[in-house]
Amino acid sequence: MRYRLTFVSGLAVGYLLGARAGRERYEQIRKSVRRISENPAVRNAGEAAALSGRQAASKAADRVQDRLPSSLGDRVRTVRDHRARSGDDWGAEGR
């Protein structure tokens, strides 16, 4: 409940500050965010973080899979096999 209240408070403060800043400031922020997100160093860092996350999740799944009930273990294996066949599930292909 505390986290929910913190989130809602942050959302309200962000909305109020954004409303006071106006459209012009919003456009400035939007352009800055776009410029930063198109920076190759930022893109590489994001891709590296995503890859590290997928690798860590895969290692964790391998360790835990042996302790799962067989029906759940089969389901996890099916999902992992499907994702491996379909390629990148993060939508980063073709960028």
N, C-alpha and C. Protein backbone atom coordinates (compact mmCIF):
# COMPACT_ATOMS: atom_id res chain seq x y z
N MET A 1 0.82 -1.19 0.00
CA MET A 1 0.00 0.00 0.00
C MET A 1 0.86 1.25 0.00
N ARG A 2 1.96 1.20 0.76
CA ARG A 2 2.85 2.35 0.83
C ARG A 2 3.45 2.68 -0.53
N TYR A 3 3.82 1.64 -1.28
CA TYR A 3 4.41 1.85 -2.60
C TYR A 3 3.38 2.40 -3.58
N ARG A 4 2.17 1.93 -3.45
CA ARG A 4 1.10 2.42 -4.30
C ARG A 4 0.84 3.90 -4.06
N LEU A 5 0.83 4.28 -2.79
CA LEU A 5 0.63 5.68 -2.42
C LEU A 5 1.79 6.54 -2.92
N THR A 6 3.01 6.03 -2.82
CA THR A 6 4.18 6.76 -3.32
C THR A 6 4.09 6.94 -4.83
N PHE A 7 3.69 5.90 -5.51
CA PHE A 7 3.56 5.98 -6.97
C PHE A 7 2.51 6.99 -7.37
N VAL A 8 1.36 6.94 -6.75
CA VAL A 8 0.28 7.87 -7.07
C VAL A 8 0.70 9.30 -6.75
N SER A 9 1.40 9.49 -5.65
CA SER A 9 1.89 10.83 -5.30
C SER A 9 2.87 11.34 -6.35
N GLY A 10 3.78 10.50 -6.76
CA GLY A 10 4.73 10.89 -7.80
C GLY A 10 4.05 11.20 -9.12
N LEU A 11 3.05 10.42 -9.44
CA LEU A 11 2.28 10.66 -10.66
C LEU A 11 1.58 12.02 -10.59
N ALA A 12 0.98 12.32 -9.46
CA ALA A 12 0.28 13.60 -9.30
C ALA A 12 1.25 14.77 -9.37
N VAL A 13 2.40 14.66 -8.71
CA VAL A 13 3.39 15.74 -8.75
C VAL A 13 3.90 15.93 -10.18
N GLY A 14 4.17 14.85 -10.86
CA GLY A 14 4.62 14.94 -12.25
C GLY A 14 3.60 15.59 -13.15
N TYR A 15 2.34 15.25 -12.93
CA TYR A 15 1.27 15.85 -13.73
C TYR A 15 1.19 17.35 -13.46
N LEU A 16 1.23 17.74 -12.20
CA LEU A 16 1.14 19.17 -11.86
C LEU A 16 2.32 19.95 -12.42
N LEU A 17 3.51 19.43 -12.28
CA LEU A 17 4.68 20.12 -12.81
C LEU A 17 4.62 20.20 -14.33
N GLY A 18 4.16 19.13 -14.95
CA GLY A 18 4.02 19.13 -16.40
C GLY A 18 2.97 20.11 -16.88
N ALA A 19 1.88 20.21 -16.16
CA ALA A 19 0.81 21.13 -16.55
C ALA A 19 1.27 22.57 -16.42
N ARG A 20 2.07 22.86 -15.42
CA ARG A 20 2.56 24.22 -15.23
C ARG A 20 3.62 24.58 -16.26
N ALA A 21 4.41 23.59 -16.68
CA ALA A 21 5.48 23.87 -17.63
C ALA A 21 4.92 24.21 -19.00
N GLY A 22 3.82 23.62 -19.36
CA GLY A 22 3.19 23.93 -20.64
C GLY A 22 3.70 23.09 -21.79
N ARG A 23 3.10 23.31 -22.93
CA ARG A 23 3.38 22.52 -24.13
C ARG A 23 4.81 22.75 -24.64
N GLU A 24 5.28 23.98 -24.57
CA GLU A 24 6.61 24.29 -25.09
C GLU A 24 7.69 23.50 -24.33
N ARG A 25 7.59 23.48 -23.03
CA ARG A 25 8.55 22.73 -22.22
C ARG A 25 8.43 21.24 -22.48
N TYR A 26 7.20 20.77 -22.66
CA TYR A 26 6.98 19.36 -22.98
C TYR A 26 7.70 18.99 -24.27
N GLU A 27 7.60 19.83 -25.28
CA GLU A 27 8.27 19.56 -26.56
C GLU A 27 9.79 19.57 -26.39
N GLN A 28 10.31 20.47 -25.56
CA GLN A 28 11.75 20.49 -25.30
C GLN A 28 12.20 19.19 -24.65
N ILE A 29 11.46 18.75 -23.65
CA ILE A 29 11.81 17.51 -22.96
C ILE A 29 11.73 16.34 -23.92
N ARG A 30 10.69 16.31 -24.74
CA ARG A 30 10.51 15.22 -25.70
C ARG A 30 11.67 15.15 -26.69
N LYS A 31 12.11 16.30 -27.20
CA LYS A 31 13.24 16.34 -28.13
C LYS A 31 14.52 15.86 -27.44
N SER A 32 14.71 16.27 -26.20
CA SER A 32 15.90 15.85 -25.45
C SER A 32 15.91 14.35 -25.24
N VAL A 33 14.77 13.80 -24.87
CA VAL A 33 14.68 12.35 -24.64
C VAL A 33 14.93 11.60 -25.94
N ARG A 34 14.38 12.09 -27.04
CA ARG A 34 14.59 11.44 -28.33
C ARG A 34 16.08 11.48 -28.71
N ARG A 35 16.72 12.64 -28.52
CA ARG A 35 18.14 12.78 -28.86
C ARG A 35 18.98 11.83 -28.01
N ILE A 36 18.67 11.74 -26.72
CA ILE A 36 19.41 10.84 -25.84
C ILE A 36 19.18 9.38 -26.24
N SER A 37 17.95 9.03 -26.54
CA SER A 37 17.65 7.63 -26.88
C SER A 37 18.25 7.22 -28.21
N GLU A 38 18.53 8.17 -29.09
CA GLU A 38 19.14 7.84 -30.37
C GLU A 38 20.66 7.80 -30.30
N ASN A 39 21.23 8.18 -29.17
CA ASN A 39 22.67 8.15 -28.97
C ASN A 39 23.15 6.70 -29.00
N PRO A 40 24.14 6.38 -29.84
CA PRO A 40 24.61 4.99 -29.94
C PRO A 40 25.09 4.41 -28.61
N ALA A 41 25.72 5.22 -27.77
CA ALA A 41 26.21 4.70 -26.49
C ALA A 41 25.04 4.28 -25.60
N VAL A 42 23.98 5.07 -25.60
CA VAL A 42 22.80 4.74 -24.80
C VAL A 42 22.12 3.49 -25.34
N ARG A 43 22.01 3.40 -26.65
CA ARG A 43 21.39 2.21 -27.27
C ARG A 43 22.19 0.95 -26.94
N ASN A 44 23.52 1.06 -27.04
CA ASN A 44 24.37 -0.10 -26.74
C ASN A 44 24.24 -0.51 -25.28
N ALA A 45 24.19 0.48 -24.39
CA ALA A 45 24.04 0.16 -22.97
C ALA A 45 22.71 -0.52 -22.71
N GLY A 46 21.65 -0.05 -23.36
CA GLY A 46 20.33 -0.66 -23.19
C GLY A 46 20.30 -2.08 -23.72
N GLU A 47 20.90 -2.30 -24.88
CA GLU A 47 20.94 -3.64 -25.44
C GLU A 47 21.78 -4.58 -24.58
N ALA A 48 22.89 -4.06 -24.05
CA ALA A 48 23.74 -4.89 -23.16
C ALA A 48 22.99 -5.25 -21.88
N ALA A 49 22.24 -4.30 -21.34
CA ALA A 49 21.47 -4.57 -20.13
C ALA A 49 20.38 -5.61 -20.40
N ALA A 50 19.72 -5.49 -21.54
CA ALA A 50 18.68 -6.47 -21.90
C ALA A 50 19.28 -7.86 -22.06
N LEU A 51 20.43 -7.94 -22.71
CA LEU A 51 21.09 -9.24 -22.91
C LEU A 51 21.50 -9.84 -21.56
N SER A 52 22.06 -9.01 -20.68
CA SER A 52 22.45 -9.50 -19.36
C SER A 52 21.25 -10.00 -18.57
N GLY A 53 20.14 -9.28 -18.68
CA GLY A 53 18.92 -9.69 -18.01
C GLY A 53 18.40 -11.02 -18.52
N ARG A 54 18.42 -11.18 -19.84
CA ARG A 54 17.96 -12.46 -20.42
C ARG A 54 18.87 -13.61 -20.00
N GLN A 55 20.18 -13.36 -19.96
CA GLN A 55 21.11 -14.41 -19.55
C GLN A 55 20.91 -14.78 -18.09
N ALA A 56 20.73 -13.78 -17.23
CA ALA A 56 20.51 -14.06 -15.82
C ALA A 56 19.20 -14.81 -15.61
N ALA A 57 18.16 -14.42 -16.34
CA ALA A 57 16.88 -15.12 -16.23
C ALA A 57 17.00 -16.56 -16.70
N SER A 58 17.76 -16.78 -17.75
CA SER A 58 17.95 -18.14 -18.26
C SER A 58 18.69 -19.00 -17.24
N LYS A 59 19.74 -18.46 -16.63
CA LYS A 59 20.49 -19.20 -15.61
C LYS A 59 19.59 -19.52 -14.41
N ALA A 60 18.79 -18.54 -14.00
CA ALA A 60 17.90 -18.77 -12.86
C ALA A 60 16.87 -19.84 -13.20
N ALA A 61 16.34 -19.79 -14.42
CA ALA A 61 15.35 -20.78 -14.82
C ALA A 61 15.96 -22.18 -14.85
N ASP A 62 17.21 -22.28 -15.31
CA ASP A 62 17.88 -23.58 -15.34
C ASP A 62 18.04 -24.16 -13.93
N ARG A 63 18.38 -23.31 -12.98
CA ARG A 63 18.58 -23.78 -11.60
C ARG A 63 17.26 -24.15 -10.93
N VAL A 64 16.23 -23.41 -11.21
CA VAL A 64 14.95 -23.62 -10.54
C VAL A 64 14.14 -24.73 -11.21
N GLN A 65 14.34 -24.94 -12.49
CA GLN A 65 13.51 -25.86 -13.26
C GLN A 65 13.52 -27.28 -12.67
N ASP A 66 14.65 -27.71 -12.13
CA ASP A 66 14.73 -29.05 -11.57
C ASP A 66 13.86 -29.21 -10.32
N ARG A 67 13.57 -28.11 -9.65
CA ARG A 67 12.80 -28.17 -8.41
C ARG A 67 11.31 -27.94 -8.62
N LEU A 68 10.91 -27.65 -9.84
CA LEU A 68 9.50 -27.40 -10.13
C LEU A 68 8.75 -28.72 -10.30
N PRO A 69 7.44 -28.71 -10.04
CA PRO A 69 6.64 -29.89 -10.37
C PRO A 69 6.74 -30.16 -11.88
N SER A 70 6.61 -31.40 -12.26
CA SER A 70 6.84 -31.77 -13.66
C SER A 70 5.92 -31.03 -14.63
N SER A 71 4.66 -30.81 -14.26
CA SER A 71 3.76 -30.13 -15.19
C SER A 71 4.20 -28.68 -15.43
N LEU A 72 4.64 -28.01 -14.39
CA LEU A 72 5.11 -26.63 -14.53
C LEU A 72 6.45 -26.59 -15.26
N GLY A 73 7.31 -27.54 -14.98
CA GLY A 73 8.59 -27.62 -15.68
C GLY A 73 8.40 -27.83 -17.17
N ASP A 74 7.43 -28.67 -17.54
CA ASP A 74 7.13 -28.88 -18.96
C ASP A 74 6.64 -27.60 -19.61
N ARG A 75 5.82 -26.86 -18.90
CA ARG A 75 5.29 -25.60 -19.44
C ARG A 75 6.42 -24.58 -19.64
N VAL A 76 7.33 -24.49 -18.68
CA VAL A 76 8.46 -23.57 -18.81
C VAL A 76 9.32 -23.96 -20.00
N ARG A 77 9.58 -25.24 -20.16
CA ARG A 77 10.37 -25.72 -21.29
C ARG A 77 9.70 -25.38 -22.62
N THR A 78 8.39 -25.54 -22.69
CA THR A 78 7.65 -25.23 -23.91
C THR A 78 7.76 -23.75 -24.26
N VAL A 79 7.59 -22.90 -23.26
CA VAL A 79 7.68 -21.45 -23.50
C VAL A 79 9.09 -21.07 -23.93
N ARG A 80 10.10 -21.60 -23.29
CA ARG A 80 11.49 -21.28 -23.64
C ARG A 80 11.81 -21.75 -25.05
N ASP A 81 11.34 -22.94 -25.42
CA ASP A 81 11.59 -23.44 -26.77
C ASP A 81 10.91 -22.56 -27.81
N HIS A 82 9.69 -22.13 -27.52
CA HIS A 82 8.95 -21.27 -28.45
C HIS A 82 9.68 -19.94 -28.64
N ARG A 83 10.15 -19.34 -27.57
CA ARG A 83 10.86 -18.06 -27.67
C ARG A 83 12.18 -18.22 -28.39
N ALA A 84 12.86 -19.34 -28.19
CA ALA A 84 14.14 -19.57 -28.87
C ALA A 84 13.93 -19.68 -30.37
N ARG A 85 12.82 -20.30 -30.79
CA ARG A 85 12.53 -20.44 -32.22
C ARG A 85 12.09 -19.12 -32.85
N SER A 86 11.38 -18.29 -32.08
CA SER A 86 10.84 -17.05 -32.65
C SER A 86 11.86 -15.92 -32.68
N GLY A 87 13.00 -16.09 -32.06
CA GLY A 87 14.05 -15.06 -32.08
C GLY A 87 13.91 -14.11 -30.91
N ASP A 88 14.28 -12.89 -31.15
CA ASP A 88 14.29 -11.86 -30.10
C ASP A 88 12.86 -11.48 -29.70
N ASP A 89 12.52 -11.68 -28.44
CA ASP A 89 11.17 -11.37 -27.98
C ASP A 89 11.05 -9.95 -27.45
N TRP A 90 12.08 -9.13 -27.62
CA TRP A 90 12.04 -7.75 -27.12
C TRP A 90 11.72 -6.76 -28.22
N GLY A 91 11.59 -7.21 -29.44
CA GLY A 91 11.25 -6.29 -30.52
C GLY A 91 12.41 -5.46 -30.99
N ALA A 92 13.64 -5.87 -30.70
CA ALA A 92 14.80 -5.07 -31.08
C ALA A 92 15.33 -5.44 -32.46
N GLU A 93 14.77 -6.45 -33.08
CA GLU A 93 15.23 -6.83 -34.40
C GLU A 93 14.86 -5.77 -35.42
N GLY A 94 15.74 -5.54 -36.36
CA GLY A 94 15.46 -4.64 -37.45
C GLY A 94 15.67 -3.18 -37.13
N ARG A 95 16.20 -2.89 -35.99
CA ARG A 95 16.47 -1.49 -35.64
C ARG A 95 17.82 -1.06 -36.10
